Amino acid sequence: MTSTLLIVQIVLVVMLVIAVLLQKSSSIGLGAYSGSNESVFGAKGPSGFLAKMTFLLGFLFIANTITLGYFYGQSKNESVVDSMVKTDDAAKETTKKLPTLDIAAPKAPSVPVENNTSH
């Protein structure tokens, strides 16, 4: 579910950026490339349509962001420190379960030590 919402989020971001860049501004922006298809968008031209489309895309973007945050919050109820503590406890339990071998260490050969106390 979250992967689908993440893909929708990326598509919404791209569409929102395009909608913002197509609007007229003081420096025209990409609105100069919209052509003279004002009859397609209505009597006011593309500005009214693009403003409504930008608002709709912005609303969908915010709603999708909140939904993604909710789903990610549900799946991640523990912190990284909690998972490290669990891993450390599991490692201790694993070492406790390891069999121990009763093998005596070899004894070092006995070498006589000469007492050399000449001064």
PDB file of N, CA and C in Angstrom:
ATOM      1  N   MET A   1       0.815  -1.190   0.000  1.00  0.00           N
ATOM      2  CA  MET A   1       0.000   0.000   0.000  1.00  0.00           C
ATOM      3  C   MET A   1       0.864   1.261   0.000  1.00  0.00           C
ATOM      4  N   THR A   2       1.913   1.230   0.819  1.00  0.00           N
ATOM      5  CA  THR A   2       2.753   2.422   0.893  1.00  0.00           C
ATOM      6  C   THR A   2       3.527   2.642  -0.404  1.00  0.00           C
ATOM      7  N   SER A   3       3.887   1.566  -1.098  1.00  0.00           N
ATOM      8  CA  SER A   3       4.613   1.755  -2.362  1.00  0.00           C
ATOM      9  C   SER A   3       3.712   2.397  -3.406  1.00  0.00           C
ATOM     10  N   THR A   4       2.436   2.040  -3.414  1.00  0.00           N
ATOM     11  CA  THR A   4       1.494   2.664  -4.351  1.00  0.00           C
ATOM     12  C   THR A   4       1.320   4.137  -4.020  1.00  0.00           C
ATOM     13  N   LEU A   5       1.180   4.446  -2.745  1.00  0.00           N
ATOM     14  CA  LEU A   5       1.033   5.846  -2.342  1.00  0.00           C
ATOM     15  C   LEU A   5       2.298   6.649  -2.629  1.00  0.00           C
ATOM     16  N   LEU A   6       3.447   6.004  -2.527  1.00  0.00           N
ATOM     17  CA  LEU A   6       4.700   6.700  -2.826  1.00  0.00           C
ATOM     18  C   LEU A   6       4.793   7.029  -4.320  1.00  0.00           C
ATOM     19  N   ILE A   7       4.341   6.109  -5.168  1.00  0.00           N
ATOM     20  CA  ILE A   7       4.332   6.379  -6.613  1.00  0.00           C
ATOM     21  C   ILE A   7       3.349   7.502  -6.926  1.00  0.00           C
ATOM     22  N   VAL A   8       2.176   7.491  -6.290  1.00  0.00           N
ATOM     23  CA  VAL A   8       1.197   8.563  -6.478  1.00  0.00           C
ATOM     24  C   VAL A   8       1.787   9.886  -6.019  1.00  0.00           C
ATOM     25  N   GLN A   9       2.559   9.869  -4.929  1.00  0.00           N
ATOM     26  CA  GLN A   9       3.196  11.091  -4.410  1.00  0.00           C
ATOM     27  C   GLN A   9       4.158  11.676  -5.445  1.00  0.00           C
ATOM     28  N   ILE A  10       4.946  10.827  -6.067  1.00  0.00           N
ATOM     29  CA  ILE A  10       5.916  11.306  -7.064  1.00  0.00           C
ATOM     30  C   ILE A  10       5.188  11.894  -8.268  1.00  0.00           C
ATOM     31  N   VAL A  11       4.126  11.234  -8.721  1.00  0.00           N
ATOM     32  CA  VAL A  11       3.345  11.750  -9.854  1.00  0.00           C
ATOM     33  C   VAL A  11       2.708  13.087  -9.485  1.00  0.00           C
ATOM     34  N   LEU A  12       2.170  13.194  -8.271  1.00  0.00           N
ATOM     35  CA  LEU A  12       1.570  14.464  -7.838  1.00  0.00           C
ATOM     36  C   LEU A  12       2.597  15.589  -7.787  1.00  0.00           C
ATOM     37  N   VAL A  13       3.795  15.286  -7.343  1.00  0.00           N
ATOM     38  CA  VAL A  13       4.847  16.315  -7.282  1.00  0.00           C
ATOM     39  C   VAL A  13       5.175  16.830  -8.676  1.00  0.00           C
ATOM     40  N   VAL A  14       5.327  15.917  -9.627  1.00  0.00           N
ATOM     41  CA  VAL A  14       5.664  16.329 -10.996  1.00  0.00           C
ATOM     42  C   VAL A  14       4.527  17.165 -11.589  1.00  0.00           C
ATOM     43  N   MET A  15       3.289  16.710 -11.400  1.00  0.00           N
ATOM     44  CA  MET A  15       2.148  17.456 -11.942  1.00  0.00           C
ATOM     45  C   MET A  15       2.007  18.820 -11.275  1.00  0.00           C
ATOM     46  N   LEU A  16       2.273  18.893  -9.975  1.00  0.00           N
ATOM     47  CA  LEU A  16       2.172  20.156  -9.257  1.00  0.00           C
ATOM     48  C   LEU A  16       3.236  21.149  -9.728  1.00  0.00           C
ATOM     49  N   VAL A  17       4.433  20.660  -9.944  1.00  0.00           N
ATOM     50  CA  VAL A  17       5.504  21.534 -10.441  1.00  0.00           C
ATOM     51  C   VAL A  17       5.154  22.063 -11.831  1.00  0.00           C
ATOM     52  N   ILE A  18       4.645  21.206 -12.685  1.00  0.00           N
ATOM     53  CA  ILE A  18       4.263  21.638 -14.037  1.00  0.00           C
ATOM     54  C   ILE A  18       3.127  22.649 -13.967  1.00  0.00           C
ATOM     55  N   ALA A  19       2.138  22.408 -13.119  1.00  0.00           N
ATOM     56  CA  ALA A  19       1.010  23.337 -12.999  1.00  0.00           C
ATOM     57  C   ALA A  19       1.461  24.695 -12.490  1.00  0.00           C
ATOM     58  N   VAL A  20       2.398  24.721 -11.559  1.00  0.00           N
ATOM     59  CA  VAL A  20       2.888  26.001 -11.038  1.00  0.00           C
ATOM     60  C   VAL A  20       3.701  26.737 -12.088  1.00  0.00           C
ATOM     61  N   LEU A  21       4.527  26.002 -12.823  1.00  0.00           N
ATOM     62  CA  LEU A  21       5.371  26.651 -13.826  1.00  0.00           C
ATOM     63  C   LEU A  21       4.591  27.133 -15.043  1.00  0.00           C
ATOM     64  N   LEU A  22       3.442  26.558 -15.322  1.00  0.00           N
ATOM     65  CA  LEU A  22       2.646  26.988 -16.467  1.00  0.00           C
ATOM     66  C   LEU A  22       1.858  28.259 -16.195  1.00  0.00           C
ATOM     67  N   GLN A  23       1.692  28.639 -14.954  1.00  0.00           N
ATOM     68  CA  GLN A  23       0.914  29.829 -14.636  1.00  0.00           C
ATOM     69  C   GLN A  23       1.674  31.087 -14.995  1.00  0.00           C
ATOM     70  N   LYS A  24       0.916  32.117 -15.309  1.00  0.00           N
ATOM     71  CA  LYS A  24       1.539  33.396 -15.639  1.00  0.00           C
ATOM     72  C   LYS A  24       2.105  34.021 -14.379  1.00  0.00           C
ATOM     73  N   SER A  25       3.253  34.599 -14.540  1.00  0.00           N
ATOM     74  CA  SER A  25       3.868  35.327 -13.443  1.00  0.00           C
ATOM     75  C   SER A  25       4.419  36.622 -13.997  1.00  0.00           C
ATOM     76  N   SER A  26       5.129  37.361 -13.197  1.00  0.00           N
ATOM     77  CA  SER A  26       5.680  38.620 -13.685  1.00  0.00           C
ATOM     78  C   SER A  26       6.753  38.370 -14.747  1.00  0.00           C
ATOM     79  N   SER A  27       7.381  37.221 -14.705  1.00  0.00           N
ATOM     80  CA  SER A  27       8.393  36.906 -15.717  1.00  0.00           C
ATOM     81  C   SER A  27       7.910  35.811 -16.666  1.00  0.00           C
ATOM     82  N   ILE A  28       6.634  35.625 -16.789  1.00  0.00           N
ATOM     83  CA  ILE A  28       5.939  34.689 -17.674  1.00  0.00           C
ATOM     84  C   ILE A  28       6.239  33.231 -17.338  1.00  0.00           C
ATOM     85  N   GLY A  29       7.457  32.783 -17.122  1.00  0.00           N
ATOM     86  CA  GLY A  29       7.761  31.389 -16.815  1.00  0.00           C
ATOM     87  C   GLY A  29       7.493  30.491 -18.008  1.00  0.00           C
ATOM     88  N   LEU A  30       6.963  29.331 -17.773  1.00  0.00           N
ATOM     89  CA  LEU A  30       6.624  28.419 -18.865  1.00  0.00           C
ATOM     90  C   LEU A  30       5.236  28.694 -19.422  1.00  0.00           C
ATOM     91  N   GLY A  31       4.545  29.688 -18.908  1.00  0.00           N
ATOM     92  CA  GLY A  31       3.223  30.042 -19.406  1.00  0.00           C
ATOM     93  C   GLY A  31       3.248  30.512 -20.845  1.00  0.00           C
ATOM     94  N   ALA A  32       4.384  30.970 -21.317  1.00  0.00           N
ATOM     95  CA  ALA A  32       4.497  31.421 -22.702  1.00  0.00           C
ATOM     96  C   ALA A  32       4.349  30.257 -23.674  1.00  0.00           C
ATOM     97  N   TYR A  33       4.588  29.051 -23.206  1.00  0.00           N
ATOM     98  CA  TYR A  33       4.495  27.887 -24.083  1.00  0.00           C
ATOM     99  C   TYR A  33       3.102  27.279 -24.121  1.00  0.00           C
ATOM    100  N   SER A  34       2.153  27.854 -23.386  1.00  0.00           N
ATOM    101  CA  SER A  34       0.816  27.271 -23.353  1.00  0.00           C
ATOM    102  C   SER A  34       0.036  27.564 -24.627  1.00  0.00           C
ATOM    103  N   GLY A  35       0.485  28.507 -25.439  1.00  0.00           N
ATOM    104  CA  GLY A  35      -0.175  28.788 -26.713  1.00  0.00           C
ATOM    105  C   GLY A  35      -1.427  29.616 -26.544  1.00  0.00           C
ATOM    106  N   SER A  36      -2.228  29.669 -27.571  1.00  0.00           N
ATOM    107  CA  SER A  36      -3.450  30.481 -27.526  1.00  0.00           C
ATOM    108  C   SER A  36      -4.690  29.592 -27.516  1.00  0.00           C
ATOM    109  N   ASN A  37      -4.654  28.526 -26.762  1.00  0.00           N
ATOM    110  CA  ASN A  37      -5.798  27.626 -26.648  1.00  0.00           C
ATOM    111  C   ASN A  37      -6.703  28.055 -25.509  1.00  0.00           C
ATOM    112  N   GLU A  38      -7.068  29.338 -25.486  1.00  0.00           N
ATOM    113  CA  GLU A  38      -7.865  29.854 -24.392  1.00  0.00           C
ATOM    114  C   GLU A  38      -9.274  29.304 -24.421  1.00  0.00           C
ATOM    115  N   SER A  39      -9.761  28.882 -25.575  1.00  0.00           N
ATOM    116  CA  SER A  39     -11.117  28.355 -25.643  1.00  0.00           C
ATOM    117  C   SER A  39     -11.219  26.991 -24.959  1.00  0.00           C
ATOM    118  N   VAL A  40     -10.122  26.290 -24.860  1.00  0.00           N
ATOM    119  CA  VAL A  40     -10.131  24.987 -24.193  1.00  0.00           C
ATOM    120  C   VAL A  40     -10.339  25.167 -22.697  1.00  0.00           C
ATOM    121  N   PHE A  41      -9.753  26.200 -22.127  1.00  0.00           N
ATOM    122  CA  PHE A  41      -9.797  26.411 -20.683  1.00  0.00           C
ATOM    123  C   PHE A  41     -10.968  27.281 -20.239  1.00  0.00           C
ATOM    124  N   GLY A  42     -11.679  27.901 -21.139  1.00  0.00           N
ATOM    125  CA  GLY A  42     -12.804  28.763 -20.780  1.00  0.00           C
ATOM    126  C   GLY A  42     -12.528  30.201 -21.203  1.00  0.00           C
ATOM    127  N   ALA A  43     -13.430  31.103 -20.815  1.00  0.00           N
ATOM    128  CA  ALA A  43     -13.340  32.494 -21.251  1.00  0.00           C
ATOM    129  C   ALA A  43     -12.186  33.235 -20.575  1.00  0.00           C
ATOM    130  N   LYS A  44     -11.828  32.851 -19.376  1.00  0.00           N
ATOM    131  CA  LYS A  44     -10.755  33.552 -18.659  1.00  0.00           C
ATOM    132  C   LYS A  44      -9.374  33.107 -19.114  1.00  0.00           C
ATOM    133  N   GLY A  45      -9.293  32.093 -19.929  1.00  0.00           N
ATOM    134  CA  GLY A  45      -7.993  31.602 -20.360  1.00  0.00           C
ATOM    135  C   GLY A  45      -7.492  30.542 -19.403  1.00  0.00           C
ATOM    136  N   PRO A  46      -6.221  30.199 -19.519  1.00  0.00           N
ATOM    137  CA  PRO A  46      -5.692  29.119 -18.691  1.00  0.00           C
ATOM    138  C   PRO A  46      -5.461  29.491 -17.237  1.00  0.00           C
ATOM    139  N   SER A  47      -5.477  30.785 -16.912  1.00  0.00           N
ATOM    140  CA  SER A  47      -5.136  31.175 -15.547  1.00  0.00           C
ATOM    141  C   SER A  47      -6.147  30.648 -14.539  1.00  0.00           C
ATOM    142  N   GLY A  48      -7.434  30.746 -14.795  1.00  0.00           N
ATOM    143  CA  GLY A  48      -8.442  30.244 -13.863  1.00  0.00           C
ATOM    144  C   GLY A  48      -8.383  28.735 -13.731  1.00  0.00           C
ATOM    145  N   PHE A  49      -8.237  28.053 -14.856  1.00  0.00           N
ATOM    146  CA  PHE A  49      -8.150  26.593 -14.842  1.00  0.00           C
ATOM    147  C   PHE A  49      -6.893  26.120 -14.126  1.00  0.00           C
ATOM    148  N   LEU A  50      -5.769  26.761 -14.439  1.00  0.00           N
ATOM    149  CA  LEU A  50      -4.512  26.349 -13.812  1.00  0.00           C
ATOM    150  C   LEU A  50      -4.495  26.643 -12.310  1.00  0.00           C
ATOM    151  N   ALA A  51      -5.146  27.717 -11.898  1.00  0.00           N
ATOM    152  CA  ALA A  51      -5.221  28.028 -10.471  1.00  0.00           C
ATOM    153  C   ALA A  51      -6.028  26.960  -9.742  1.00  0.00           C
ATOM    154  N   LYS A  52      -7.161  26.558 -10.347  1.00  0.00           N
ATOM    155  CA  LYS A  52      -7.971  25.505  -9.732  1.00  0.00           C
ATOM    156  C   LYS A  52      -7.229  24.171  -9.732  1.00  0.00           C
ATOM    157  N   MET A  53      -6.529  23.877 -10.827  1.00  0.00           N
ATOM    158  CA  MET A  53      -5.780  22.627 -10.922  1.00  0.00           C
ATOM    159  C   MET A  53      -4.633  22.605  -9.904  1.00  0.00           C
ATOM    160  N   THR A  54      -3.970  23.738  -9.709  1.00  0.00           N
ATOM    161  CA  THR A  54      -2.889  23.828  -8.738  1.00  0.00           C
ATOM    162  C   THR A  54      -3.415  23.625  -7.328  1.00  0.00           C
ATOM    163  N   PHE A  55      -4.564  24.234  -7.042  1.00  0.00           N
ATOM    164  CA  PHE A  55      -5.168  24.052  -5.715  1.00  0.00           C
ATOM    165  C   PHE A  55      -5.543  22.590  -5.491  1.00  0.00           C
ATOM    166  N   LEU A  56      -6.153  21.952  -6.489  1.00  0.00           N
ATOM    167  CA  LEU A  56      -6.554  20.551  -6.370  1.00  0.00           C
ATOM    168  C   LEU A  56      -5.332  19.646  -6.193  1.00  0.00           C
ATOM    169  N   LEU A  57      -4.304  19.864  -6.986  1.00  0.00           N
ATOM    170  CA  LEU A  57      -3.092  19.051  -6.869  1.00  0.00           C
ATOM    171  C   LEU A  57      -2.400  19.268  -5.519  1.00  0.00           C
ATOM    172  N   GLY A  58      -2.394  20.506  -5.048  1.00  0.00           N
ATOM    173  CA  GLY A  58      -1.813  20.794  -3.740  1.00  0.00           C
ATOM    174  C   GLY A  58      -2.573  20.109  -2.623  1.00  0.00           C
ATOM    175  N   PHE A  59      -3.914  20.123  -2.724  1.00  0.00           N
ATOM    176  CA  PHE A  59      -4.733  19.444  -1.715  1.00  0.00           C
ATOM    177  C   PHE A  59      -4.486  17.937  -1.745  1.00  0.00           C
ATOM    178  N   LEU A  60      -4.430  17.341  -2.933  1.00  0.00           N
ATOM    179  CA  LEU A  60      -4.159  15.902  -3.049  1.00  0.00           C
ATOM    180  C   LEU A  60      -2.766  15.553  -2.531  1.00  0.00           C
ATOM    181  N   PHE A  61      -1.796  16.439  -2.799  1.00  0.00           N
ATOM    182  CA  PHE A  61      -0.435  16.222  -2.327  1.00  0.00           C
ATOM    183  C   PHE A  61      -0.385  16.193  -0.797  1.00  0.00           C
ATOM    184  N   ILE A  62      -1.049  17.149  -0.157  1.00  0.00           N
ATOM    185  CA  ILE A  62      -1.048  17.208   1.309  1.00  0.00           C
ATOM    186  C   ILE A  62      -1.783  16.006   1.898  1.00  0.00           C
ATOM    187  N   ALA A  63      -2.922  15.631   1.315  1.00  0.00           N
ATOM    188  CA  ALA A  63      -3.673  14.477   1.809  1.00  0.00           C
ATOM    189  C   ALA A  63      -2.855  13.192   1.658  1.00  0.00           C
ATOM    190  N   ASN A  64      -2.167  13.056   0.535  1.00  0.00           N
ATOM    191  CA  ASN A  64      -1.341  11.868   0.313  1.00  0.00           C
ATOM    192  C   ASN A  64      -0.145  11.847   1.269  1.00  0.00           C
ATOM    193  N   THR A  65       0.423  13.000   1.560  1.00  0.00           N
ATOM    194  CA  THR A  65       1.543  13.079   2.498  1.00  0.00           C
ATOM    195  C   THR A  65       1.108  12.659   3.901  1.00  0.00           C
ATOM    196  N   ILE A  66      -0.065  13.115   4.334  1.00  0.00           N
ATOM    197  CA  ILE A  66      -0.568  12.744   5.656  1.00  0.00           C
ATOM    198  C   ILE A  66      -0.852  11.245   5.710  1.00  0.00           C
ATOM    199  N   THR A  67      -1.435  10.697   4.633  1.00  0.00           N
ATOM    200  CA  THR A  67      -1.717   9.261   4.584  1.00  0.00           C
ATOM    201  C   THR A  67      -0.432   8.443   4.622  1.00  0.00           C
ATOM    202  N   LEU A  68       0.571   8.866   3.866  1.00  0.00           N
ATOM    203  CA  LEU A  68       1.869   8.172   3.896  1.00  0.00           C
ATOM    204  C   LEU A  68       2.493   8.230   5.283  1.00  0.00           C
ATOM    205  N   GLY A  69       2.421   9.369   5.921  1.00  0.00           N
ATOM    206  CA  GLY A  69       2.952   9.498   7.277  1.00  0.00           C
ATOM    207  C   GLY A  69       2.254   8.585   8.252  1.00  0.00           C
ATOM    208  N   TYR A  70       0.939   8.446   8.100  1.00  0.00           N
ATOM    209  CA  TYR A  70       0.177   7.549   8.979  1.00  0.00           C
ATOM    210  C   TYR A  70       0.606   6.099   8.785  1.00  0.00           C
ATOM    211  N   PHE A  71       0.701   5.664   7.524  1.00  0.00           N
ATOM    212  CA  PHE A  71       1.066   4.271   7.256  1.00  0.00           C
ATOM    213  C   PHE A  71       2.503   3.967   7.679  1.00  0.00           C
ATOM    214  N   TYR A  72       3.417   4.900   7.438  1.00  0.00           N
ATOM    215  CA  TYR A  72       4.790   4.685   7.879  1.00  0.00           C
ATOM    216  C   TYR A  72       4.887   4.698   9.404  1.00  0.00           C
ATOM    217  N   GLY A  73       4.074   5.515  10.053  1.00  0.00           N
ATOM    218  CA  GLY A  73       4.068   5.548  11.509  1.00  0.00           C
ATOM    219  C   GLY A  73       3.529   4.260  12.111  1.00  0.00           C
ATOM    220  N   GLN A  74       2.562   3.644  11.452  1.00  0.00           N
ATOM    221  CA  GLN A  74       2.012   2.379  11.937  1.00  0.00           C
ATOM    222  C   GLN A  74       3.012   1.244  11.789  1.00  0.00           C
ATOM    223  N   SER A  75       3.787   1.273  10.726  1.00  0.00           N
ATOM    224  CA  SER A  75       4.738   0.180  10.493  1.00  0.00           C
ATOM    225  C   SER A  75       6.013   0.336  11.315  1.00  0.00           C
ATOM    226  N   LYS A  76       6.312   1.508  11.779  1.00  0.00           N
ATOM    227  CA  LYS A  76       7.537   1.765  12.546  1.00  0.00           C
ATOM    228  C   LYS A  76       7.176   2.253  13.941  1.00  0.00           C
ATOM    229  N   ASN A  77       6.773   1.331  14.805  1.00  0.00           N
ATOM    230  CA  ASN A  77       6.404   1.716  16.167  1.00  0.00           C
ATOM    231  C   ASN A  77       7.567   1.669  17.135  1.00  0.00           C
ATOM    232  N   GLU A  78       8.730   1.234  16.686  1.00  0.00           N
ATOM    233  CA  GLU A  78       9.874   1.179  17.580  1.00  0.00           C
ATOM    234  C   GLU A  78      11.034   1.959  16.978  1.00  0.00           C
ATOM    235  N   SER A  79      11.915   2.394  17.840  1.00  0.00           N
ATOM    236  CA  SER A  79      13.045   3.184  17.383  1.00  0.00           C
ATOM    237  C   SER A  79      14.206   2.275  17.001  1.00  0.00           C
ATOM    238  N   VAL A  80      15.229   2.864  16.458  1.00  0.00           N
ATOM    239  CA  VAL A  80      16.419   2.116  16.070  1.00  0.00           C
ATOM    240  C   VAL A  80      17.108   1.553  17.305  1.00  0.00           C
ATOM    241  N   VAL A  81      17.090   2.301  18.389  1.00  0.00           N
ATOM    242  CA  VAL A  81      17.726   1.836  19.625  1.00  0.00           C
ATOM    243  C   VAL A  81      17.020   0.585  20.140  1.00  0.00           C
ATOM    244  N   ASP A  82      15.687   0.555  20.065  1.00  0.00           N
ATOM    245  CA  ASP A  82      14.955  -0.633  20.498  1.00  0.00           C
ATOM    246  C   ASP A  82      15.338  -1.853  19.688  1.00  0.00           C
ATOM    247  N   SER A  83      15.493  -1.681  18.383  1.00  0.00           N
ATOM    248  CA  SER A  83      15.873  -2.821  17.545  1.00  0.00           C
ATOM    249  C   SER A  83      17.308  -3.262  17.827  1.00  0.00           C
ATOM    250  N   MET A  84      18.194  -2.315  18.193  1.00  0.00           N
ATOM    251  CA  MET A  84      19.567  -2.682  18.531  1.00  0.00           C
ATOM    252  C   MET A  84      19.606  -3.462  19.837  1.00  0.00           C
ATOM    253  N   VAL A  85      18.784  -3.080  20.793  1.00  0.00           N
ATOM    254  CA  VAL A  85      18.736  -3.784  22.069  1.00  0.00           C
ATOM    255  C   VAL A  85      18.214  -5.198  21.856  1.00  0.00           C
ATOM    256  N   LYS A  86      17.194  -5.351  21.004  1.00  0.00           N
ATOM    257  CA  LYS A  86      16.670  -6.682  20.712  1.00  0.00           C
ATOM    258  C   LYS A  86      17.717  -7.544  20.021  1.00  0.00           C
ATOM    259  N   THR A  87      18.480  -6.954  19.111  1.00  0.00           N
ATOM    260  CA  THR A  87      19.530  -7.698  18.420  1.00  0.00           C
ATOM    261  C   THR A  87      20.617  -8.117  19.399  1.00  0.00           C
ATOM    262  N   ASP A  88      20.981  -7.216  20.326  1.00  0.00           N
ATOM    263  CA  ASP A  88      21.994  -7.530  21.325  1.00  0.00           C
ATOM    264  C   ASP A  88      21.511  -8.649  22.247  1.00  0.00           C
ATOM    265  N   ASP A  89      20.241  -8.604  22.655  1.00  0.00           N
ATOM    266  CA  ASP A  89      19.679  -9.652  23.512  1.00  0.00           C
ATOM    267  C   ASP A  89      19.638 -10.986  22.766  1.00  0.00           C
ATOM    268  N   ALA A  90      19.296 -10.947  21.486  1.00  0.00           N
ATOM    269  CA  ALA A  90      19.256 -12.180  20.701  1.00  0.00           C
ATOM    270  C   ALA A  90      20.656 -12.771  20.559  1.00  0.00           C
ATOM    271  N   ALA A  91      21.663 -11.916  20.409  1.00  0.00           N
ATOM    272  CA  ALA A  91      23.041 -12.401  20.294  1.00  0.00           C
ATOM    273  C   ALA A  91      23.487 -13.047  21.608  1.00  0.00           C
ATOM    274  N   LYS A  92      23.085 -12.469  22.741  1.00  0.00           N
ATOM    275  CA  LYS A  92      23.429 -13.057  24.035  1.00  0.00           C
ATOM    276  C   LYS A  92      22.751 -14.405  24.214  1.00  0.00           C
ATOM    277  N   GLU A  93      21.499 -14.506  23.777  1.00  0.00           N
ATOM    278  CA  GLU A  93      20.777 -15.781  23.888  1.00  0.00           C
ATOM    279  C   GLU A  93      21.427 -16.839  22.996  1.00  0.00           C
ATOM    280  N   THR A  94      21.906 -16.446  21.837  1.00  0.00           N
ATOM    281  CA  THR A  94      22.552 -17.384  20.926  1.00  0.00           C
ATOM    282  C   THR A  94      23.850 -17.908  21.534  1.00  0.00           C
ATOM    283  N   THR A  95      24.614 -17.018  22.163  1.00  0.00           N
ATOM    284  CA  THR A  95      25.871 -17.461  22.764  1.00  0.00           C
ATOM    285  C   THR A  95      25.630 -18.340  23.981  1.00  0.00           C
ATOM    286  N   LYS A  96      24.517 -18.158  24.673  1.00  0.00           N
ATOM    287  CA  LYS A  96      24.191 -19.017  25.802  1.00  0.00           C
ATOM    288  C   LYS A  96      23.851 -20.428  25.335  1.00  0.00           C
ATOM    289  N   LYS A  97      23.300 -20.561  24.150  1.00  0.00           N
ATOM    290  CA  LYS A  97      22.866 -21.851  23.639  1.00  0.00           C
ATOM    291  C   LYS A  97      23.995 -22.652  23.003  1.00  0.00           C
ATOM    292  N   LEU A  98      25.142 -22.036  22.781  1.00  0.00           N
ATOM    293  CA  LEU A  98      26.257 -22.743  22.156  1.00  0.00           C
ATOM    294  C   LEU A  98      26.795 -23.811  23.094  1.00  0.00           C
ATOM    295  N   PRO A  99      27.093 -25.000  22.569  1.00  0.00           N
ATOM    296  CA  PRO A  99      27.627 -26.054  23.439  1.00  0.00           C
ATOM    297  C   PRO A  99      29.057 -25.728  23.851  1.00  0.00           C
ATOM    298  N   THR A 100      29.396 -26.148  25.054  1.00  0.00           N
ATOM    299  CA  THR A 100      30.753 -25.930  25.534  1.00  0.00           C
ATOM    300  C   THR A 100      31.490 -27.256  25.485  1.00  0.00           C
ATOM    301  N   LEU A 101      32.710 -27.203  25.100  1.00  0.00           N
ATOM    302  CA  LEU A 101      33.543 -28.403  25.022  1.00  0.00           C
ATOM    303  C   LEU A 101      34.481 -28.427  26.225  1.00  0.00           C
ATOM    304  N   ASP A 102      34.570 -29.580  26.869  1.00  0.00           N
ATOM    305  CA  ASP A 102      35.458 -29.712  28.018  1.00  0.00           C
ATOM    306  C   ASP A 102      36.793 -30.294  27.552  1.00  0.00           C
ATOM    307  N   ILE A 103      37.580 -29.457  26.966  1.00  0.00           N
ATOM    308  CA  ILE A 103      38.899 -29.871  26.494  1.00  0.00           C
ATOM    309  C   ILE A 103      39.916 -29.151  27.361  1.00  0.00           C
ATOM    310  N   ALA A 104      40.793 -29.948  27.931  1.00  0.00           N
ATOM    311  CA  ALA A 104      41.819 -29.355  28.784  1.00  0.00           C
ATOM    312  C   ALA A 104      42.900 -28.747  27.912  1.00  0.00           C
ATOM    313  N   ALA A 105      43.365 -27.620  28.317  1.00  0.00           N
ATOM    314  CA  ALA A 105      44.439 -26.963  27.577  1.00  0.00           C
ATOM    315  C   ALA A 105      45.732 -27.741  27.803  1.00  0.00           C
ATOM    316  N   PRO A 106      46.560 -27.855  26.776  1.00  0.00           N
ATOM    317  CA  PRO A 106      47.824 -28.590  26.967  1.00  0.00           C
ATOM    318  C   PRO A 106      48.714 -27.867  27.976  1.00  0.00           C
ATOM    319  N   LYS A 107      49.391 -28.677  28.760  1.00  0.00           N
ATOM    320  CA  LYS A 107      50.279 -28.102  29.766  1.00  0.00           C
ATOM    321  C   LYS A 107      51.616 -27.767  29.136  1.00  0.00           C
ATOM    322  N   ALA A 108      52.162 -26.681  29.599  1.00  0.00           N
ATOM    323  CA  ALA A 108      53.464 -26.262  29.091  1.00  0.00           C
ATOM    324  C   ALA A 108      54.530 -27.212  29.640  1.00  0.00           C
ATOM    325  N   PRO A 109      55.530 -27.509  28.827  1.00  0.00           N
ATOM    326  CA  PRO A 109      56.587 -28.404  29.330  1.00  0.00           C
ATOM    327  C   PRO A 109      57.348 -27.730  30.470  1.00  0.00           C
ATOM    328  N   SER A 110      57.699 -28.535  31.431  1.00  0.00           N
ATOM    329  CA  SER A 110      58.405 -27.968  32.577  1.00  0.00           C
ATOM    330  C   SER A 110      59.887 -27.882  32.254  1.00  0.00           C
ATOM    331  N   VAL A 111      60.392 -26.705  32.357  1.00  0.00           N
ATOM    332  CA  VAL A 111      61.807 -26.442  32.106  1.00  0.00           C
ATOM    333  C   VAL A 111      62.404 -25.990  33.424  1.00  0.00           C
ATOM    334  N   PRO A 112      63.467 -26.652  33.814  1.00  0.00           N
ATOM    335  CA  PRO A 112      64.063 -26.224  35.085  1.00  0.00           C
ATOM    336  C   PRO A 112      64.658 -24.829  34.945  1.00  0.00           C
ATOM    337  N   VAL A 113      64.405 -24.054  35.929  1.00  0.00           N
ATOM    338  CA  VAL A 113      64.907 -22.685  35.946  1.00  0.00           C
ATOM    339  C   VAL A 113      66.122 -22.668  36.857  1.00  0.00           C
ATOM    340  N   GLU A 114      67.218 -22.210  36.297  1.00  0.00           N
ATOM    341  CA  GLU A 114      68.426 -22.129  37.097  1.00  0.00           C
ATOM    342  C   GLU A 114      68.430 -20.843  37.886  1.00  0.00           C
ATOM    343  N   ASN A 115      68.838 -20.994  39.088  1.00  0.00           N
ATOM    344  CA  ASN A 115      68.915 -19.828  39.946  1.00  0.00           C
ATOM    345  C   ASN A 115      70.296 -19.221  39.728  1.00  0.00           C
ATOM    346  N   ASN A 116      70.333 -18.151  39.012  1.00  0.00           N
ATOM    347  CA  ASN A 116      71.578 -17.500  38.665  1.00  0.00           C
ATOM    348  C   ASN A 116      71.681 -16.217  39.486  1.00  0.00           C
ATOM    349  N   THR A 117      72.224 -16.326  40.651  1.00  0.00           N
ATOM    350  CA  THR A 117      72.286 -15.179  41.548  1.00  0.00           C
ATOM    351  C   THR A 117      73.717 -14.718  41.769  1.00  0.00           C
ATOM    352  N   SER A 118      74.566 -14.855  40.820  1.00  0.00           N
ATOM    353  CA  SER A 118      75.957 -14.404  41.004  1.00  0.00           C
ATOM    354  C   SER A 118      76.061 -12.920  40.761  1.00  0.00           C
ATOM    355  N   HIS A 119      76.799 -12.294  41.675  1.00  0.00           N
ATOM    356  CA  HIS A 119      76.955 -10.820  41.552  1.00  0.00           C
ATOM    357  C   HIS A 119      78.350 -10.447  41.249  1.00  0.00           C
TER     358      HIS A 119
END
